[in-house]
């Protein structure tokens, strides 16, 4: 995957007379530096060899012969970059300070992670600093897993996400509009975003209209997955092929309590298995959660035979696994295997 978003950098030509002056970075202006990086009104005197070791782009630049007419400051060639000063400064901290990431740990909130990592991710993506980029992504993947085991672990921990942080992550991980192109975290991020109401999604100021459309379409796909793949037993009962107890006939006469807050379990107000109440269905459709582990098995255990009970639980787990495998497809992101191949290439 090509991580760069700009043309190769090059040395700056000598300026015209009367060019504006620039202030030196108080943190990254080394007396033995060999390269001047100029961003906006700030200059950094850094080591070309160190940048080249971390960045393919700076490594390629180091191979270019220095022009005779290039601009020099303190005897060093100048390179002008069109980046954010603070984001580039953060990236230099990550390059020069091996302890820079030590303030982050598993207890760091998502808001802290995003504030700490966003600028570094944008710069390391733009200049192909792959090792630093992967280090940043690993912190985000702990909160936005790319495996089912990671997802189930997060669900079990009841980790709390805020809508503001979710949309920040989606904007950061996007391949467009200055994003850092991190597709591995997007399926779970979009999944979480579907828990927002339609009005909240449409009215959000951070999400692009393209992202809003992806999220809204994904919301409907997740609802379909909930009803047909992960939780179909709430809508129609499928007995085990080995059932010898006529469980389907018996369940049709029962009204069992629902874990979703209604009076009846999988039977709506009619008390018959096969259709939950319209209010429960609408509530679930607003925030579809097909990866959620179903917790209302108690009434089932006493209402169906052992074979049907095991069959229902197996179908539920297999359905959740299938939803996870198809999750990137729901949001137009391809497949998990395709995402991994792109990130490894």
C-alpha atoms as a PDB file:
ATOM      1  CA  UNK A   1       0.000   0.000   0.000  1.00  0.00           C
ATOM      2  CA  UNK A   2       1.344   3.406  -0.961  1.00  0.00           C
ATOM      3  CA  UNK A   3       1.254   5.435   2.235  1.00  0.00           C
ATOM      4  CA  UNK A   4       2.365   8.735   0.749  1.00  0.00           C
ATOM      5  CA  UNK A   5      -0.035  11.494  -0.077  1.00  0.00           C
ATOM      6  CA  UNK A   6       2.327  14.017  -1.648  1.00  0.00           C
ATOM      7  CA  UNK A   7       5.063  14.283  -4.239  1.00  0.00           C
ATOM      8  CA  UNK A   8       8.656  13.546  -3.153  1.00  0.00           C
ATOM      9  CA  UNK A   9      10.144  16.389  -1.128  1.00  0.00           C
ATOM     10  CA  UNK A  10      13.099  18.391  -2.425  1.00  0.00           C
ATOM     11  CA  UNK A  11      15.475  21.154  -1.404  1.00  0.00           C
ATOM     12  CA  UNK A  12      14.180  24.731  -1.507  1.00  0.00           C
ATOM     13  CA  UNK A  13      15.714  27.261  -3.942  1.00  0.00           C
ATOM     14  CA  UNK A  14      17.342  30.427  -2.723  1.00  0.00           C
ATOM     15  CA  UNK A  15      14.679  32.986  -1.764  1.00  0.00           C
ATOM     16  CA  UNK A  16      14.277  36.404  -3.301  1.00  0.00           C
ATOM     17  CA  UNK A  17      15.720  39.343  -1.428  1.00  0.00           C
ATOM     18  CA  UNK A  18      13.542  40.562   1.387  1.00  0.00           C
ATOM     19  CA  UNK A  19      12.197  37.101   2.220  1.00  0.00           C
ATOM     20  CA  UNK A  20      10.505  36.830   5.571  1.00  0.00           C
ATOM     21  CA  UNK A  21      12.355  35.669   8.662  1.00  0.00           C
ATOM     22  CA  UNK A  22      11.575  32.505  10.603  1.00  0.00           C
ATOM     23  CA  UNK A  23      11.792  31.512  14.248  1.00  0.00           C
ATOM     24  CA  UNK A  24      13.843  28.552  15.409  1.00  0.00           C
ATOM     25  CA  UNK A  25      12.222  25.632  17.155  1.00  0.00           C
ATOM     26  CA  UNK A  26      13.192  25.750  20.820  1.00  0.00           C
ATOM     27  CA  UNK A  27      13.035  21.970  21.026  1.00  0.00           C
ATOM     28  CA  UNK A  28      14.470  20.709  17.735  1.00  0.00           C
ATOM     29  CA  UNK A  29      17.272  22.947  16.543  1.00  0.00           C
ATOM     30  CA  UNK A  30      20.415  20.877  17.015  1.00  0.00           C
ATOM     31  CA  UNK A  31      23.847  22.451  16.653  1.00  0.00           C
ATOM     32  CA  UNK A  32      25.056  19.381  14.765  1.00  0.00           C
ATOM     33  CA  UNK A  33      21.932  19.087  12.614  1.00  0.00           C
ATOM     34  CA  UNK A  34      22.391  18.702   8.855  1.00  0.00           C
ATOM     35  CA  UNK A  35      18.979  19.683   7.486  1.00  0.00           C
ATOM     36  CA  UNK A  36      16.614  22.605   7.975  1.00  0.00           C
ATOM     37  CA  UNK A  37      12.910  21.751   7.900  1.00  0.00           C
ATOM     38  CA  UNK A  38      10.761  24.857   7.502  1.00  0.00           C
ATOM     39  CA  UNK A  39       7.041  24.764   8.242  1.00  0.00           C
ATOM     40  CA  UNK A  40       4.955  27.929   8.272  1.00  0.00           C
ATOM     41  CA  UNK A  41       7.117  30.361  10.287  1.00  0.00           C
ATOM     42  CA  UNK A  42       9.112  27.727  12.189  1.00  0.00           C
ATOM     43  CA  UNK A  43      12.482  26.142  11.366  1.00  0.00           C
ATOM     44  CA  UNK A  44      13.811  22.825  12.685  1.00  0.00           C
ATOM     45  CA  UNK A  45      17.489  21.899  12.426  1.00  0.00           C
ATOM     46  CA  UNK A  46      17.520  18.114  12.465  1.00  0.00           C
ATOM     47  CA  UNK A  47      19.642  15.187  11.368  1.00  0.00           C
ATOM     48  CA  UNK A  48      19.014  14.076   7.802  1.00  0.00           C
ATOM     49  CA  UNK A  49      20.376  10.598   8.574  1.00  0.00           C
ATOM     50  CA  UNK A  50      17.909  10.088  11.440  1.00  0.00           C
ATOM     51  CA  UNK A  51      14.922  11.166   9.345  1.00  0.00           C
ATOM     52  CA  UNK A  52      16.117   8.946   6.487  1.00  0.00           C
ATOM     53  CA  UNK A  53      16.286   5.948   8.830  1.00  0.00           C
ATOM     54  CA  UNK A  54      12.635   6.406   9.782  1.00  0.00           C
ATOM     55  CA  UNK A  55      11.148   7.670   6.508  1.00  0.00           C
ATOM     56  CA  UNK A  56      11.248   6.311   2.959  1.00  0.00           C
ATOM     57  CA  UNK A  57      10.516   9.791   1.653  1.00  0.00           C
ATOM     58  CA  UNK A  58      13.397  11.449   3.502  1.00  0.00           C
ATOM     59  CA  UNK A  59      15.627   8.508   2.592  1.00  0.00           C
ATOM     60  CA  UNK A  60      14.914   9.093  -1.083  1.00  0.00           C
ATOM     61  CA  UNK A  61      15.569  12.821  -0.654  1.00  0.00           C
ATOM     62  CA  UNK A  62      18.941  12.069   0.918  1.00  0.00           C
ATOM     63  CA  UNK A  63      19.984  10.378  -2.315  1.00  0.00           C
ATOM     64  CA  UNK A  64      19.306  13.523  -4.355  1.00  0.00           C
ATOM     65  CA  UNK A  65      22.425  15.652  -4.996  1.00  0.00           C
ATOM     66  CA  UNK A  66      22.178  19.004  -3.266  1.00  0.00           C
ATOM     67  CA  UNK A  67      21.601  21.734  -5.921  1.00  0.00           C
ATOM     68  CA  UNK A  68      24.133  24.543  -6.094  1.00  0.00           C
ATOM     69  CA  UNK A  69      21.442  27.165  -5.857  1.00  0.00           C
ATOM     70  CA  UNK A  70      19.472  25.725  -2.940  1.00  0.00           C
ATOM     71  CA  UNK A  71      18.723  27.870   0.088  1.00  0.00           C
ATOM     72  CA  UNK A  72      21.045  27.450   3.085  1.00  0.00           C
ATOM     73  CA  UNK A  73      20.422  28.352   6.717  1.00  0.00           C
ATOM     74  CA  UNK A  74      23.290  27.871   9.173  1.00  0.00           C
ATOM     75  CA  UNK A  75      25.085  26.078   6.338  1.00  0.00           C
ATOM     76  CA  UNK A  76      22.317  23.470   5.966  1.00  0.00           C
ATOM     77  CA  UNK A  77      19.985  22.962   2.997  1.00  0.00           C
ATOM     78  CA  UNK A  78      16.365  23.945   3.511  1.00  0.00           C
ATOM     79  CA  UNK A  79      13.269  21.868   2.835  1.00  0.00           C
ATOM     80  CA  UNK A  80       9.853  23.538   2.991  1.00  0.00           C
ATOM     81  CA  UNK A  81       6.966  21.319   4.118  1.00  0.00           C
ATOM     82  CA  UNK A  82       3.247  22.044   4.016  1.00  0.00           C
ATOM     83  CA  UNK A  83       2.323  20.462   7.330  1.00  0.00           C
ATOM     84  CA  UNK A  84       0.978  21.452  10.721  1.00  0.00           C
ATOM     85  CA  UNK A  85       3.791  22.678  12.993  1.00  0.00           C
ATOM     86  CA  UNK A  86       2.466  20.971  16.116  1.00  0.00           C
ATOM     87  CA  UNK A  87       1.887  17.664  14.331  1.00  0.00           C
ATOM     88  CA  UNK A  88       5.411  17.684  12.913  1.00  0.00           C
ATOM     89  CA  UNK A  89       6.816  18.603  16.334  1.00  0.00           C
ATOM     90  CA  UNK A  90       4.948  15.678  17.902  1.00  0.00           C
ATOM     91  CA  UNK A  91       6.415  13.374  15.269  1.00  0.00           C
ATOM     92  CA  UNK A  92       9.947  14.605  15.975  1.00  0.00           C
ATOM     93  CA  UNK A  93       9.353  13.842  19.665  1.00  0.00           C
ATOM     94  CA  UNK A  94       8.381  10.298  18.712  1.00  0.00           C
ATOM     95  CA  UNK A  95      11.516   9.994  16.549  1.00  0.00           C
ATOM     96  CA  UNK A  96      14.046  11.453  18.981  1.00  0.00           C
ATOM     97  CA  UNK A  97      12.592  10.304  22.321  1.00  0.00           C
ATOM     98  CA  UNK A  98      12.335   6.508  22.771  1.00  0.00           C
ATOM     99  CA  UNK A  99      10.191   7.075  25.893  1.00  0.00           C
ATOM    100  CA  UNK A 100       7.665   9.272  24.099  1.00  0.00           C
ATOM    101  CA  UNK A 101       4.885   6.658  24.069  1.00  0.00           C
ATOM    102  CA  UNK A 102       5.393   5.570  27.676  1.00  0.00           C
ATOM    103  CA  UNK A 103       2.647   7.870  28.926  1.00  0.00           C
ATOM    104  CA  UNK A 104       0.117   5.705  27.066  1.00  0.00           C
ATOM    105  CA  UNK A 105      -1.165   2.409  28.446  1.00  0.00           C
ATOM    106  CA  UNK A 106      -4.208   0.144  28.354  1.00  0.00           C
ATOM    107  CA  UNK A 107      -6.055   2.501  30.715  1.00  0.00           C
ATOM    108  CA  UNK A 108      -5.640   5.567  28.489  1.00  0.00           C
ATOM    109  CA  UNK A 109      -8.993   6.903  27.368  1.00  0.00           C
ATOM    110  CA  UNK A 110      -9.814   6.974  23.688  1.00  0.00           C
ATOM    111  CA  UNK A 111      -9.907  10.758  23.788  1.00  0.00           C
ATOM    112  CA  UNK A 112      -6.346  10.846  25.150  1.00  0.00           C
ATOM    113  CA  UNK A 113      -5.159   8.333  22.552  1.00  0.00           C
ATOM    114  CA  UNK A 114      -6.652  10.289  19.668  1.00  0.00           C
ATOM    115  CA  UNK A 115      -5.218  13.599  20.858  1.00  0.00           C
ATOM    116  CA  UNK A 116      -1.783  12.028  21.383  1.00  0.00           C
ATOM    117  CA  UNK A 117      -1.613   9.981  18.176  1.00  0.00           C
ATOM    118  CA  UNK A 118      -3.561  11.859  15.491  1.00  0.00           C
ATOM    119  CA  UNK A 119      -0.846  14.278  14.394  1.00  0.00           C
ATOM    120  CA  UNK A 120       1.884  11.627  14.477  1.00  0.00           C
ATOM    121  CA  UNK A 121      -0.272   9.297  12.391  1.00  0.00           C
ATOM    122  CA  UNK A 122      -0.926  11.922   9.730  1.00  0.00           C
ATOM    123  CA  UNK A 123       2.775  12.808   9.430  1.00  0.00           C
ATOM    124  CA  UNK A 124       4.061   9.213   9.538  1.00  0.00           C
ATOM    125  CA  UNK A 125       1.521   8.236   6.896  1.00  0.00           C
ATOM    126  CA  UNK A 126       2.432  11.118   4.612  1.00  0.00           C
ATOM    127  CA  UNK A 127       6.187  10.511   4.849  1.00  0.00           C
ATOM    128  CA  UNK A 128       6.091   6.688   4.948  1.00  0.00           C
ATOM    129  CA  UNK A 129       7.481   6.297   8.472  1.00  0.00           C
ATOM    130  CA  UNK A 130       6.171   2.768   8.675  1.00  0.00           C
ATOM    131  CA  UNK A 131       7.531   1.600  12.056  1.00  0.00           C
ATOM    132  CA  UNK A 132       6.250   4.670  13.908  1.00  0.00           C
ATOM    133  CA  UNK A 133       2.969   4.463  12.035  1.00  0.00           C
ATOM    134  CA  UNK A 134       2.487   0.808  13.025  1.00  0.00           C
ATOM    135  CA  UNK A 135       3.262   1.656  16.651  1.00  0.00           C
ATOM    136  CA  UNK A 136       0.536   4.309  16.661  1.00  0.00           C
ATOM    137  CA  UNK A 137      -1.952   1.994  14.979  1.00  0.00           C
ATOM    138  CA  UNK A 138      -1.322  -0.724  17.575  1.00  0.00           C
ATOM    139  CA  UNK A 139      -2.653   1.589  20.307  1.00  0.00           C
ATOM    140  CA  UNK A 140      -5.823   2.257  18.309  1.00  0.00           C
ATOM    141  CA  UNK A 141      -6.339  -1.407  17.421  1.00  0.00           C
ATOM    142  CA  UNK A 142      -6.509  -2.201  21.134  1.00  0.00           C
ATOM    143  CA  UNK A 143      -9.745  -0.156  21.191  1.00  0.00           C
ATOM    144  CA  UNK A 144     -10.865  -0.908  17.616  1.00  0.00           C
ATOM    145  CA  UNK A 145     -10.080  -4.602  17.114  1.00  0.00           C
ATOM    146  CA  UNK A 146      -9.635  -6.376  13.801  1.00  0.00           C
ATOM    147  CA  UNK A 147     -10.289  -9.857  15.244  1.00  0.00           C
ATOM    148  CA  UNK A 148     -13.415 -11.423  16.731  1.00  0.00           C
ATOM    149  CA  UNK A 149     -11.548 -12.375  19.912  1.00  0.00           C
ATOM    150  CA  UNK A 150     -10.521  -8.750  20.373  1.00  0.00           C
ATOM    151  CA  UNK A 151     -14.093  -7.630  19.813  1.00  0.00           C
ATOM    152  CA  UNK A 152     -15.532 -10.119  22.300  1.00  0.00           C
ATOM    153  CA  UNK A 153     -12.919  -9.111  24.875  1.00  0.00           C
ATOM    154  CA  UNK A 154     -13.883  -5.442  24.518  1.00  0.00           C
ATOM    155  CA  UNK A 155     -17.577  -6.255  24.778  1.00  0.00           C
ATOM    156  CA  UNK A 156     -16.929  -8.292  27.924  1.00  0.00           C
ATOM    157  CA  UNK A 157     -14.939  -5.416  29.450  1.00  0.00           C
ATOM    158  CA  UNK A 158     -17.858  -3.041  28.816  1.00  0.00           C
ATOM    159  CA  UNK A 159     -15.436  -0.410  27.537  1.00  0.00           C
ATOM    160  CA  UNK A 160     -17.291   2.870  27.069  1.00  0.00           C
ATOM    161  CA  UNK A 161     -17.059   4.818  23.807  1.00  0.00           C
ATOM    162  CA  UNK A 162     -18.313   8.343  23.264  1.00  0.00           C
ATOM    163  CA  UNK A 163     -19.888   9.370  19.969  1.00  0.00           C
ATOM    164  CA  UNK A 164     -17.457  12.294  19.701  1.00  0.00           C
ATOM    165  CA  UNK A 165     -14.443   9.972  19.924  1.00  0.00           C
ATOM    166  CA  UNK A 166     -15.896   7.476  17.448  1.00  0.00           C
ATOM    167  CA  UNK A 167     -16.407  10.090  14.735  1.00  0.00           C
ATOM    168  CA  UNK A 168     -12.928  11.524  15.410  1.00  0.00           C
ATOM    169  CA  UNK A 169     -11.490   8.066  14.846  1.00  0.00           C
ATOM    170  CA  UNK A 170     -13.432   7.584  11.613  1.00  0.00           C
ATOM    171  CA  UNK A 171     -12.181  10.926  10.288  1.00  0.00           C
ATOM    172  CA  UNK A 172      -8.598  10.066  11.267  1.00  0.00           C
ATOM    173  CA  UNK A 173      -8.692   6.555   9.787  1.00  0.00           C
ATOM    174  CA  UNK A 174     -10.244   7.644   6.486  1.00  0.00           C
ATOM    175  CA  UNK A 175      -8.170   7.544   3.317  1.00  0.00           C
ATOM    176  CA  UNK A 176      -9.516  10.955   2.285  1.00  0.00           C
ATOM    177  CA  UNK A 177      -9.561  14.553   3.507  1.00  0.00           C
ATOM    178  CA  UNK A 178      -6.263  14.385   5.390  1.00  0.00           C
ATOM    179  CA  UNK A 179      -6.951  11.044   7.054  1.00  0.00           C
ATOM    180  CA  UNK A 180      -4.237   8.523   7.888  1.00  0.00           C
ATOM    181  CA  UNK A 181      -5.750   5.600   5.926  1.00  0.00           C
ATOM    182  CA  UNK A 182      -6.147   2.949   8.661  1.00  0.00           C
ATOM    183  CA  UNK A 183      -8.784   0.557   7.273  1.00  0.00           C
ATOM    184  CA  UNK A 184      -8.249  -2.080   9.992  1.00  0.00           C
ATOM    185  CA  UNK A 185      -9.971   0.068  12.647  1.00  0.00           C
ATOM    186  CA  UNK A 186     -12.851   1.264  10.487  1.00  0.00           C
ATOM    187  CA  UNK A 187     -15.219  -1.765  10.560  1.00  0.00           C
ATOM    188  CA  UNK A 188     -15.578  -1.643  14.353  1.00  0.00           C
ATOM    189  CA  UNK A 189     -15.646   2.161  14.335  1.00  0.00           C
ATOM    190  CA  UNK A 190     -18.504   2.209  11.833  1.00  0.00           C
ATOM    191  CA  UNK A 191     -20.271  -0.528  13.797  1.00  0.00           C
ATOM    192  CA  UNK A 192     -20.136   1.677  16.895  1.00  0.00           C
ATOM    193  CA  UNK A 193     -21.263   4.678  14.870  1.00  0.00           C
ATOM    194  CA  UNK A 194     -24.461   2.828  13.906  1.00  0.00           C
ATOM    195  CA  UNK A 195     -25.450   2.950  17.583  1.00  0.00           C
ATOM    196  CA  UNK A 196     -26.008   6.679  17.106  1.00  0.00           C
ATOM    197  CA  UNK A 197     -29.492   7.704  16.030  1.00  0.00           C
ATOM    198  CA  UNK A 198     -30.167   8.653  12.423  1.00  0.00           C
ATOM    199  CA  UNK A 199     -30.571  12.306  13.431  1.00  0.00           C
ATOM    200  CA  UNK A 200     -27.268  12.253  15.346  1.00  0.00           C
ATOM    201  CA  UNK A 201     -25.446  10.803  12.355  1.00  0.00           C
ATOM    202  CA  UNK A 202     -26.938  13.229   9.832  1.00  0.00           C
ATOM    203  CA  UNK A 203     -26.372  16.240  12.100  1.00  0.00           C
ATOM    204  CA  UNK A 204     -22.766  15.404  12.987  1.00  0.00           C
ATOM    205  CA  UNK A 205     -20.273  18.101  11.965  1.00  0.00           C
ATOM    206  CA  UNK A 206     -17.192  15.849  11.849  1.00  0.00           C
ATOM    207  CA  UNK A 207     -18.383  13.042   9.585  1.00  0.00           C
ATOM    208  CA  UNK A 208     -18.325  13.693   5.848  1.00  0.00           C
ATOM    209  CA  UNK A 209     -21.512  13.016   3.896  1.00  0.00           C
ATOM    210  CA  UNK A 210     -19.807   9.986   2.400  1.00  0.00           C
ATOM    211  CA  UNK A 211     -19.140   8.602   5.884  1.00  0.00           C
ATOM    212  CA  UNK A 212     -22.696   9.378   6.955  1.00  0.00           C
ATOM    213  CA  UNK A 213     -24.056   7.455   3.963  1.00  0.00           C
ATOM    214  CA  UNK A 214     -21.793   4.485   4.742  1.00  0.00           C
ATOM    215  CA  UNK A 215     -22.947   4.473   8.366  1.00  0.00           C
ATOM    216  CA  UNK A 216     -26.652   4.732   7.573  1.00  0.00           C
ATOM    217  CA  UNK A 217     -26.479   1.978   4.958  1.00  0.00           C
ATOM    218  CA  UNK A 218     -24.506  -0.150   7.409  1.00  0.00           C
ATOM    219  CA  UNK A 219     -27.153   0.373  10.073  1.00  0.00           C
ATOM    220  CA  UNK A 220     -29.759  -1.308   7.833  1.00  0.00           C
ATOM    221  CA  UNK A 221     -27.381  -4.142   6.936  1.00  0.00           C
ATOM    222  CA  UNK A 222     -26.663  -4.799  10.617  1.00  0.00           C
ATOM    223  CA  UNK A 223     -30.371  -4.934  11.358  1.00  0.00           C
ATOM    224  CA  UNK A 224     -30.827  -7.512   8.593  1.00  0.00           C
ATOM    225  CA  UNK A 225     -27.886  -9.477  10.029  1.00  0.00           C
ATOM    226  CA  UNK A 226     -29.454  -9.313  13.498  1.00  0.00           C
ATOM    227  CA  UNK A 227     -32.769 -10.723  12.300  1.00  0.00           C
ATOM    228  CA  UNK A 228     -31.432 -13.388   9.947  1.00  0.00           C
ATOM    229  CA  UNK A 229     -27.918 -14.349  11.054  1.00  0.00           C
ATOM    230  CA  UNK A 230     -27.075 -13.719  14.719  1.00  0.00           C
ATOM    231  CA  UNK A 231     -30.441 -13.538  16.518  1.00  0.00           C
ATOM    232  CA  UNK A 232     -32.950 -15.270  14.227  1.00  0.00           C
ATOM    233  CA  UNK A 233     -34.444 -17.184  17.173  1.00  0.00           C
ATOM    234  CA  UNK A 234     -36.114 -13.941  18.273  1.00  0.00           C
ATOM    235  CA  UNK A 235     -38.119 -13.907  15.070  1.00  0.00           C
ATOM    236  CA  UNK A 236     -38.648 -17.547  14.076  1.00  0.00           C
ATOM    237  CA  UNK A 237     -37.816 -20.784  15.828  1.00  0.00           C
ATOM    238  CA  UNK A 238     -35.754 -23.396  13.985  1.00  0.00           C
ATOM    239  CA  UNK A 239     -35.739 -26.704  15.865  1.00  0.00           C
ATOM    240  CA  UNK A 240     -32.779 -29.034  15.821  1.00  0.00           C
ATOM    241  CA  UNK A 241     -32.869 -31.572  12.976  1.00  0.00           C
ATOM    242  CA  UNK A 242     -32.563 -34.171  15.754  1.00  0.00           C
ATOM    243  CA  UNK A 243     -35.529 -32.841  17.772  1.00  0.00           C
ATOM    244  CA  UNK A 244     -37.927 -35.584  18.822  1.00  0.00           C
ATOM    245  CA  UNK A 245     -39.988 -33.498  21.226  1.00  0.00           C
ATOM    246  CA  UNK A 246     -42.075 -31.363  18.858  1.00  0.00           C
ATOM    247  CA  UNK A 247     -40.552 -28.221  20.376  1.00  0.00           C
ATOM    248  CA  UNK A 248     -41.901 -25.918  17.663  1.00  0.00           C
ATOM    249  CA  UNK A 249     -45.471 -26.842  18.529  1.00  0.00           C
ATOM    250  CA  UNK A 250     -44.924 -26.427  22.242  1.00  0.00           C
ATOM    251  CA  UNK A 251     -43.206 -23.025  21.943  1.00  0.00           C
ATOM    252  CA  UNK A 252     -46.021 -21.620  19.839  1.00  0.00           C
ATOM    253  CA  UNK A 253     -48.206 -21.724  22.953  1.00  0.00           C
ATOM    254  CA  UNK A 254     -45.721 -20.032  25.286  1.00  0.00           C
ATOM    255  CA  UNK A 255     -45.122 -16.362  26.145  1.00  0.00           C
ATOM    256  CA  UNK A 256     -41.668 -16.003  27.685  1.00  0.00           C
ATOM    257  CA  UNK A 257     -40.031 -12.874  29.159  1.00  0.00           C
ATOM    258  CA  UNK A 258     -37.796 -10.947  26.789  1.00  0.00           C
ATOM    259  CA  UNK A 259     -34.293  -9.702  27.644  1.00  0.00           C
ATOM    260  CA  UNK A 260     -35.039  -6.615  25.536  1.00  0.00           C
ATOM    261  CA  UNK A 261     -37.585  -5.086  27.867  1.00  0.00           C
ATOM    262  CA  UNK A 262     -40.905  -6.233  26.414  1.00  0.00           C
ATOM    263  CA  UNK A 263     -43.560  -8.378  28.024  1.00  0.00           C
ATOM    264  CA  UNK A 264     -42.940 -11.437  25.905  1.00  0.00           C
ATOM    265  CA  UNK A 265     -39.850 -13.272  24.730  1.00  0.00           C
ATOM    266  CA  UNK A 266     -39.742 -13.741  20.960  1.00  0.00           C
ATOM    267  CA  UNK A 267     -43.499 -13.700  20.983  1.00  0.00           C
ATOM    268  CA  UNK A 268     -44.564 -10.064  20.967  1.00  0.00           C
ATOM    269  CA  UNK A 269     -47.899  -9.213  22.518  1.00  0.00           C
ATOM    270  CA  UNK A 270     -49.449 -12.248  20.859  1.00  0.00           C
ATOM    271  CA  UNK A 271     -47.461 -14.595  23.075  1.00  0.00           C
ATOM    272  CA  UNK A 272     -46.477 -16.759  20.098  1.00  0.00           C
ATOM    273  CA  UNK A 273     -42.937 -17.470  19.021  1.00  0.00           C
ATOM    274  CA  UNK A 274     -41.965 -15.938  15.718  1.00  0.00           C
ATOM    275  CA  UNK A 275     -42.454 -12.178  16.091  1.00  0.00           C
ATOM    276  CA  UNK A 276     -41.260  -9.813  18.806  1.00  0.00           C
ATOM    277  CA  UNK A 277     -43.345  -6.760  19.557  1.00  0.00           C
ATOM    278  CA  UNK A 278     -43.171  -3.894  17.093  1.00  0.00           C
ATOM    279  CA  UNK A 279     -41.810  -1.582  19.795  1.00  0.00           C
ATOM    280  CA  UNK A 280     -38.986  -3.973  20.666  1.00  0.00           C
ATOM    281  CA  UNK A 281     -38.204  -4.421  16.983  1.00  0.00           C
ATOM    282  CA  UNK A 282     -38.075  -0.657  16.388  1.00  0.00           C
ATOM    283  CA  UNK A 283     -35.811  -0.135  19.397  1.00  0.00           C
ATOM    284  CA  UNK A 284     -33.455  -2.833  18.155  1.00  0.00           C
ATOM    285  CA  UNK A 285     -33.537  -1.492  14.604  1.00  0.00           C
ATOM    286  CA  UNK A 286     -32.473   1.971  15.784  1.00  0.00           C
ATOM    287  CA  UNK A 287     -29.347   0.485  17.373  1.00  0.00           C
ATOM    288  CA  UNK A 288     -28.728  -2.944  15.822  1.00  0.00           C
ATOM    289  CA  UNK A 289     -26.188  -5.000  17.756  1.00  0.00           C
ATOM    290  CA  UNK A 290     -25.783  -8.415  16.077  1.00  0.00           C
ATOM    291  CA  UNK A 291     -22.422  -9.032  17.775  1.00  0.00           C
ATOM    292  CA  UNK A 292     -24.010  -8.844  21.224  1.00  0.00           C
ATOM    293  CA  UNK A 293     -24.124 -12.131  23.097  1.00  0.00           C
ATOM    294  CA  UNK A 294     -27.720 -13.089  23.786  1.00  0.00           C
ATOM    295  CA  UNK A 295     -28.415 -13.406  27.515  1.00  0.00           C
ATOM    296  CA  UNK A 296     -32.011 -14.576  27.674  1.00  0.00           C
ATOM    297  CA  UNK A 297     -31.454 -18.322  27.445  1.00  0.00           C
ATOM    298  CA  UNK A 298     -33.033 -19.190  30.808  1.00  0.00           C
ATOM    299  CA  UNK A 299     -36.642 -19.549  29.582  1.00  0.00           C
ATOM    300  CA  UNK A 300     -35.477 -21.391  26.474  1.00  0.00           C
ATOM    301  CA  UNK A 301     -33.713 -24.046  28.533  1.00  0.00           C
ATOM    302  CA  UNK A 302     -36.915 -25.097  30.256  1.00  0.00           C
ATOM    303  CA  UNK A 303     -39.100 -24.716  27.149  1.00  0.00           C
ATOM    304  CA  UNK A 304     -37.238 -26.793  24.552  1.00  0.00           C
ATOM    305  CA  UNK A 305     -35.436 -30.095  24.495  1.00  0.00           C
ATOM    306  CA  UNK A 306     -31.697 -30.352  25.092  1.00  0.00           C
ATOM    307  CA  UNK A 307     -30.998 -30.850  21.387  1.00  0.00           C
ATOM    308  CA  UNK A 308     -32.940 -27.752  20.341  1.00  0.00           C
ATOM    309  CA  UNK A 309     -31.381 -25.682  23.117  1.00  0.00           C
ATOM    310  CA  UNK A 310     -27.865 -26.624  22.016  1.00  0.00           C
ATOM    311  CA  UNK A 311     -28.822 -26.064  18.379  1.00  0.00           C
ATOM    312  CA  UNK A 312     -30.062 -22.526  19.114  1.00  0.00           C
ATOM    313  CA  UNK A 313     -26.924 -21.569  21.025  1.00  0.00           C
ATOM    314  CA  UNK A 314     -24.683 -23.003  18.299  1.00  0.00           C
ATOM    315  CA  UNK A 315     -26.618 -21.076  15.628  1.00  0.00           C
ATOM    316  CA  UNK A 316     -26.290 -17.882  17.669  1.00  0.00           C
ATOM    317  CA  UNK A 317     -22.518 -18.182  18.102  1.00  0.00           C
ATOM    318  CA  UNK A 318     -21.982 -19.189  14.475  1.00  0.00           C
ATOM    319  CA  UNK A 319     -24.133 -16.242  13.428  1.00  0.00           C
ATOM    320  CA  UNK A 320     -22.059 -13.760  15.447  1.00  0.00           C
ATOM    321  CA  UNK A 321     -18.894 -15.193  13.890  1.00  0.00           C
ATOM    322  CA  UNK A 322     -20.381 -14.787  10.417  1.00  0.00           C
ATOM    323  CA  UNK A 323     -21.402 -11.198  11.138  1.00  0.00           C
ATOM    324  CA  UNK A 324     -17.858 -10.415  12.232  1.00  0.00           C
ATOM    325  CA  UNK A 325     -16.407 -11.951   9.066  1.00  0.00           C
ATOM    326  CA  UNK A 326     -18.792  -9.903   6.926  1.00  0.00           C
ATOM    327  CA  UNK A 327     -18.472  -6.694   8.943  1.00  0.00           C
ATOM    328  CA  UNK A 328     -16.113  -4.831   6.551  1.00  0.00           C
ATOM    329  CA  UNK A 329     -18.411  -5.715   3.642  1.00  0.00           C
ATOM    330  CA  UNK A 330     -21.356  -4.038   5.372  1.00  0.00           C
ATOM    331  CA  UNK A 331     -19.448  -0.743   5.245  1.00  0.00           C
ATOM    332  CA  UNK A 332     -17.939  -1.064   1.770  1.00  0.00           C
ATOM    333  CA  UNK A 333     -14.443  -1.862   3.081  1.00  0.00           C
ATOM    334  CA  UNK A 334     -13.875  -5.176   1.325  1.00  0.00           C
ATOM    335  CA  UNK A 335     -12.892  -8.194   3.427  1.00  0.00           C
ATOM    336  CA  UNK A 336     -10.743  -8.647   6.517  1.00  0.00           C
ATOM    337  CA  UNK A 337      -8.204 -10.587   4.430  1.00  0.00           C
ATOM    338  CA  UNK A 338      -8.104  -7.781   1.868  1.00  0.00           C
ATOM    339  CA  UNK A 339      -7.597  -5.180   4.597  1.00  0.00           C
ATOM    340  CA  UNK A 340      -4.710  -7.175   6.070  1.00  0.00           C
ATOM    341  CA  UNK A 341      -3.087  -7.689   2.681  1.00  0.00           C
ATOM    342  CA  UNK A 342      -3.263  -3.972   1.943  1.00  0.00           C
ATOM    343  CA  UNK A 343      -1.705  -3.054   5.283  1.00  0.00           C
ATOM    344  CA  UNK A 344       1.092  -5.613   4.895  1.00  0.00           C
ATOM    345  CA  UNK A 345       1.996  -4.600   1.333  1.00  0.00           C
END
